[in-house]
C-alpha cells in the first residue's frame, strides 16, 4: 500500500493551488477594497442593498481603470515635468529622499522589460570553504586597483525576496550554466527542483 505516498502527493498537489488562490485573493482585495467602499456608499445613498460581491467587482475594475489613467497621464510630457519638479523637492528632504530613491530604483527595474534585475546565476563559496551557495549577479564594479567584482544578491530559501548583498571578486566566483528562472526555482524549492551540481557549474 502506498498510502503515505498518495497522501504526500495529494498535499504537494494542493499546496500550489491553495497558495495561488490565497495570493490572488489578497491582491484582489487590495485593489478592490477602496472602490468597494465607494460603491457601498452609493448603494446606501440610493437606498438599496448592495448585491454580494458586486461592490468588490466594481471596485476592482474602477481601481484598475484609475491606475490605467494615471499611467497614461504620467506618460505625457506635461505630467512628467510636474513629477520631475516633485522629485526635486523630495530629493531635498533628508531620509525621505533615500527611501524614495530606493523604491523608485526598484520599481523602475521591475517596470522595464529590457532591464533585468538579476543578470545571471553564480556560485559563491559561502558560508565557509567547500560550501557553495547559489547567488544572483545584479551588477559589476571595480576597486582602485581595477580588480573586477560582481555585485551579488544572495537570496534565502524558500523566500528569495529576503537575503543579503555581497561584493565578490570575479576570480572567486563560479559561473553557472543555468538561467535566472531556473536558479530561482532551485532556491524556492530548496533544491528539490533543478539540476544537480554537475548540471549547474559551467564546464
Protein backbone atom coordinates (compact mmCIF):
# COMPACT_ATOMS: atom_id res chain seq x y z
CA UNK A 1 0.00 0.00 0.00
CA UNK A 2 1.29 3.43 -0.95
CA UNK A 3 -0.99 5.39 1.41
CA UNK A 4 1.79 7.71 2.62
CA UNK A 5 2.96 8.30 -0.94
CA UNK A 6 -0.54 9.19 -2.16
CA UNK A 7 -1.17 11.49 0.82
CA UNK A 8 2.15 13.28 0.25
CA UNK A 9 1.43 13.58 -3.49
CA UNK A 10 -2.04 14.95 -2.74
CA UNK A 11 -0.68 17.54 -0.30
CA UNK A 12 2.06 18.64 -2.71
CA UNK A 13 -0.55 18.97 -5.47
CA UNK A 14 -2.93 21.04 -3.35
CA UNK A 15 -0.36 23.46 -1.85
CA UNK A 16 0.50 25.33 -5.12
CA UNK A 17 -3.22 25.66 -5.98
CA UNK A 18 -4.08 26.87 -2.48
CA UNK A 19 -1.21 29.38 -2.32
CA UNK A 20 -2.13 30.70 -5.78
CA UNK A 21 -5.71 31.17 -4.57
CA UNK A 22 -4.60 32.93 -1.35
CA UNK A 23 -2.20 35.30 -3.13
CA UNK A 24 -4.77 36.06 -5.86
CA UNK A 25 -7.41 36.78 -3.22
CA UNK A 26 -5.09 39.11 -1.29
CA UNK A 27 -4.25 41.03 -4.47
CA UNK A 28 -7.92 41.23 -5.47
CA UNK A 29 -8.93 42.55 -2.03
CA UNK A 30 -6.03 45.03 -2.03
CA UNK A 31 -7.25 46.57 -5.29
CA UNK A 32 -10.99 46.06 -4.74
CA UNK A 33 -11.49 47.35 -1.18
CA UNK A 34 -11.02 51.11 -1.86
CA UNK A 35 -13.50 51.04 -4.75
CA UNK A 36 -15.89 48.69 -2.93
CA UNK A 37 -16.30 51.20 -0.08
CA UNK A 38 -17.22 53.88 -2.61
CA UNK A 39 -19.85 51.69 -4.32
CA UNK A 40 -21.26 50.63 -0.94
CA UNK A 41 -21.71 54.32 -0.15
CA UNK A 42 -23.50 54.86 -3.49
CA UNK A 43 -25.88 51.97 -2.77
CA UNK A 44 -26.72 53.47 0.63
CA UNK A 45 -27.38 56.88 -0.95
CA UNK A 46 -29.92 55.44 -3.38
CA UNK A 47 -31.47 53.37 -0.59
CA UNK A 48 -30.75 49.92 -2.00
CA UNK A 49 -28.98 46.92 -0.59
CA UNK A 50 -25.82 46.02 -2.45
CA UNK A 51 -25.60 42.63 -4.13
CA UNK A 52 -22.95 40.42 -2.54
CA UNK A 53 -19.51 40.74 -4.20
CA UNK A 54 -20.83 43.31 -6.71
CA UNK A 55 -19.20 46.33 -4.97
CA UNK A 56 -15.89 44.42 -4.83
CA UNK A 57 -16.06 43.58 -8.54
CA UNK A 58 -16.97 47.17 -9.48
CA UNK A 59 -14.32 48.45 -7.08
CA UNK A 60 -11.65 46.22 -8.57
CA UNK A 61 -12.48 47.36 -12.11
CA UNK A 62 -12.66 51.03 -11.04
CA UNK A 63 -9.27 50.95 -9.27
CA UNK A 64 -7.60 49.25 -12.25
CA UNK A 65 -9.16 51.87 -14.54
CA UNK A 66 -7.83 54.68 -12.33
CA UNK A 67 -4.36 53.10 -12.32
CA UNK A 68 -4.53 52.83 -16.12
CA UNK A 69 -5.50 56.51 -16.44
CA UNK A 70 -2.68 57.52 -14.07
CA UNK A 71 -0.26 55.52 -16.23
CA UNK A 72 -1.45 57.36 -19.33
CA UNK A 73 -1.13 60.76 -17.63
CA UNK A 74 2.34 60.02 -16.25
CA UNK A 75 3.46 59.10 -19.78
CA UNK A 76 2.60 62.61 -21.01
CA UNK A 77 5.38 65.22 -21.18
CA UNK A 78 3.43 67.77 -19.09
CA UNK A 79 2.86 65.41 -16.16
CA UNK A 80 6.45 64.15 -16.40
CA UNK A 81 7.63 67.73 -15.85
CA UNK A 82 5.39 68.02 -12.77
CA UNK A 83 6.71 64.71 -11.39
CA UNK A 84 10.29 65.82 -12.08
CA UNK A 85 9.69 69.01 -10.07
CA UNK A 86 8.13 66.97 -7.25
CA UNK A 87 11.12 64.60 -7.24
CA UNK A 88 13.47 67.57 -6.89
CA UNK A 89 11.54 68.67 -3.79
CA UNK A 90 11.68 65.13 -2.34
CA UNK A 91 15.42 64.96 -3.11
CA UNK A 92 15.95 67.88 -0.72
CA UNK A 93 14.25 66.16 2.24
CA UNK A 94 16.69 64.14 4.40
CA UNK A 95 15.90 60.43 4.94
CA UNK A 96 12.77 60.68 2.76
CA UNK A 97 14.94 61.17 -0.33
CA UNK A 98 16.84 57.92 0.37
CA UNK A 99 13.61 55.95 0.84
CA UNK A 100 12.06 57.42 -2.30
CA UNK A 101 15.18 56.88 -4.42
CA UNK A 102 15.47 53.23 -3.33
CA UNK A 103 11.80 52.47 -4.03
CA UNK A 104 11.99 54.32 -7.37
CA UNK A 105 15.01 52.28 -8.48
CA UNK A 106 13.29 49.00 -7.56
CA UNK A 107 10.01 49.87 -9.31
CA UNK A 108 11.84 51.20 -12.38
CA UNK A 109 13.81 47.98 -12.59
CA UNK A 110 10.66 45.86 -12.33
CA UNK A 111 8.75 48.01 -14.80
CA UNK A 112 11.40 47.97 -17.53
CA UNK A 113 11.16 44.71 -19.52
CA UNK A 114 14.56 45.40 -21.10
CA UNK A 115 16.29 45.79 -17.76
CA UNK A 116 16.73 42.60 -15.76
CA UNK A 117 17.32 42.92 -12.02
CA UNK A 118 19.33 39.69 -11.98
CA UNK A 119 21.93 39.35 -14.74
CA UNK A 120 22.96 35.73 -14.15
CA UNK A 121 23.33 32.96 -11.59
CA UNK A 122 26.66 32.14 -9.94
CA UNK A 123 28.03 30.03 -7.10
CA UNK A 124 29.97 31.61 -4.23
CA UNK A 125 31.95 29.81 -1.53
CA UNK A 126 29.79 30.68 1.47
CA UNK A 127 29.37 30.43 4.49
CA UNK A 128 32.70 28.58 4.65
CA UNK A 129 35.26 26.87 2.42
CA UNK A 130 33.91 23.96 0.33
CA UNK A 131 30.28 25.04 0.87
CA UNK A 132 28.74 26.65 -2.20
CA UNK A 133 25.75 28.99 -2.29
CA UNK A 134 23.61 29.95 -5.27
CA UNK A 135 23.58 33.72 -5.82
CA UNK A 136 22.37 36.31 -8.34
CA UNK A 137 24.61 38.85 -10.07
CA UNK A 138 23.00 42.31 -10.03
CA UNK A 139 25.91 44.30 -11.45
CA UNK A 140 29.67 44.75 -11.74
CA UNK A 141 32.16 47.12 -10.10
CA UNK A 142 35.89 47.81 -9.75
CA UNK A 143 38.23 48.78 -6.91
CA UNK A 144 41.14 51.26 -7.05
CA UNK A 145 43.47 48.54 -8.38
CA UNK A 146 40.96 47.82 -11.20
CA UNK A 147 40.08 44.41 -9.77
CA UNK A 148 36.72 43.24 -11.12
CA UNK A 149 33.91 42.46 -8.68
CA UNK A 150 30.41 41.09 -9.00
CA UNK A 151 27.62 42.83 -7.08
CA UNK A 152 25.86 39.77 -5.72
CA UNK A 153 22.48 39.23 -4.11
CA UNK A 154 22.23 36.05 -2.02
CA UNK A 155 18.54 35.06 -1.68
CA UNK A 156 17.26 32.84 1.12
CA UNK A 157 15.22 29.64 0.82
CA UNK A 158 12.24 29.43 0.32
CA UNK A 159 11.66 33.20 0.16
CA UNK A 160 14.02 34.78 -2.41
CA UNK A 161 12.74 38.30 -1.65
CA UNK A 162 14.82 38.27 1.54
CA UNK A 163 18.59 37.92 1.50
CA UNK A 164 21.77 39.96 1.64
CA UNK A 165 24.19 41.70 -0.70
CA UNK A 166 27.90 40.98 -1.21
CA UNK A 167 30.81 42.18 -3.36
CA UNK A 168 32.80 39.21 -4.65
CA UNK A 169 35.92 39.06 -6.81
CA UNK A 170 35.09 37.58 -10.21
CA UNK A 171 38.03 35.21 -9.84
CA UNK A 172 36.45 33.73 -6.68
CA UNK A 173 33.04 33.12 -8.24
CA UNK A 174 31.96 30.03 -10.16
CA UNK A 175 29.98 30.74 -13.33
CA UNK A 176 26.92 28.54 -13.97
CA UNK A 177 25.01 27.22 -16.97
CA UNK A 178 21.54 27.88 -15.57
CA UNK A 179 19.15 30.77 -16.22
CA UNK A 180 17.86 33.18 -13.57
CA UNK A 181 14.44 31.49 -13.71
CA UNK A 182 15.99 28.07 -13.09
CA UNK A 183 18.08 29.50 -10.25
CA UNK A 184 15.01 30.95 -8.54
CA UNK A 185 13.19 27.61 -8.89
CA UNK A 186 16.09 25.85 -7.16
CA UNK A 187 16.11 28.40 -4.32
CA UNK A 188 12.32 28.42 -3.78
CA UNK A 189 12.11 24.61 -3.83
CA UNK A 190 15.10 24.17 -1.54
CA UNK A 191 16.95 22.25 -4.26
CA UNK A 192 14.10 19.81 -4.97
CA UNK A 193 13.57 21.28 -8.46
CA UNK A 194 16.56 21.75 -10.73
CA UNK A 195 19.75 20.03 -11.90
CA UNK A 196 22.42 18.56 -9.63
CA UNK A 197 25.75 20.33 -9.08
CA UNK A 198 27.23 18.86 -12.29
CA UNK A 199 24.43 20.44 -14.31
CA UNK A 200 24.98 23.84 -12.69
CA UNK A 201 28.72 24.51 -12.91
CA UNK A 202 29.93 25.86 -16.26
CA UNK A 203 32.41 23.49 -17.88
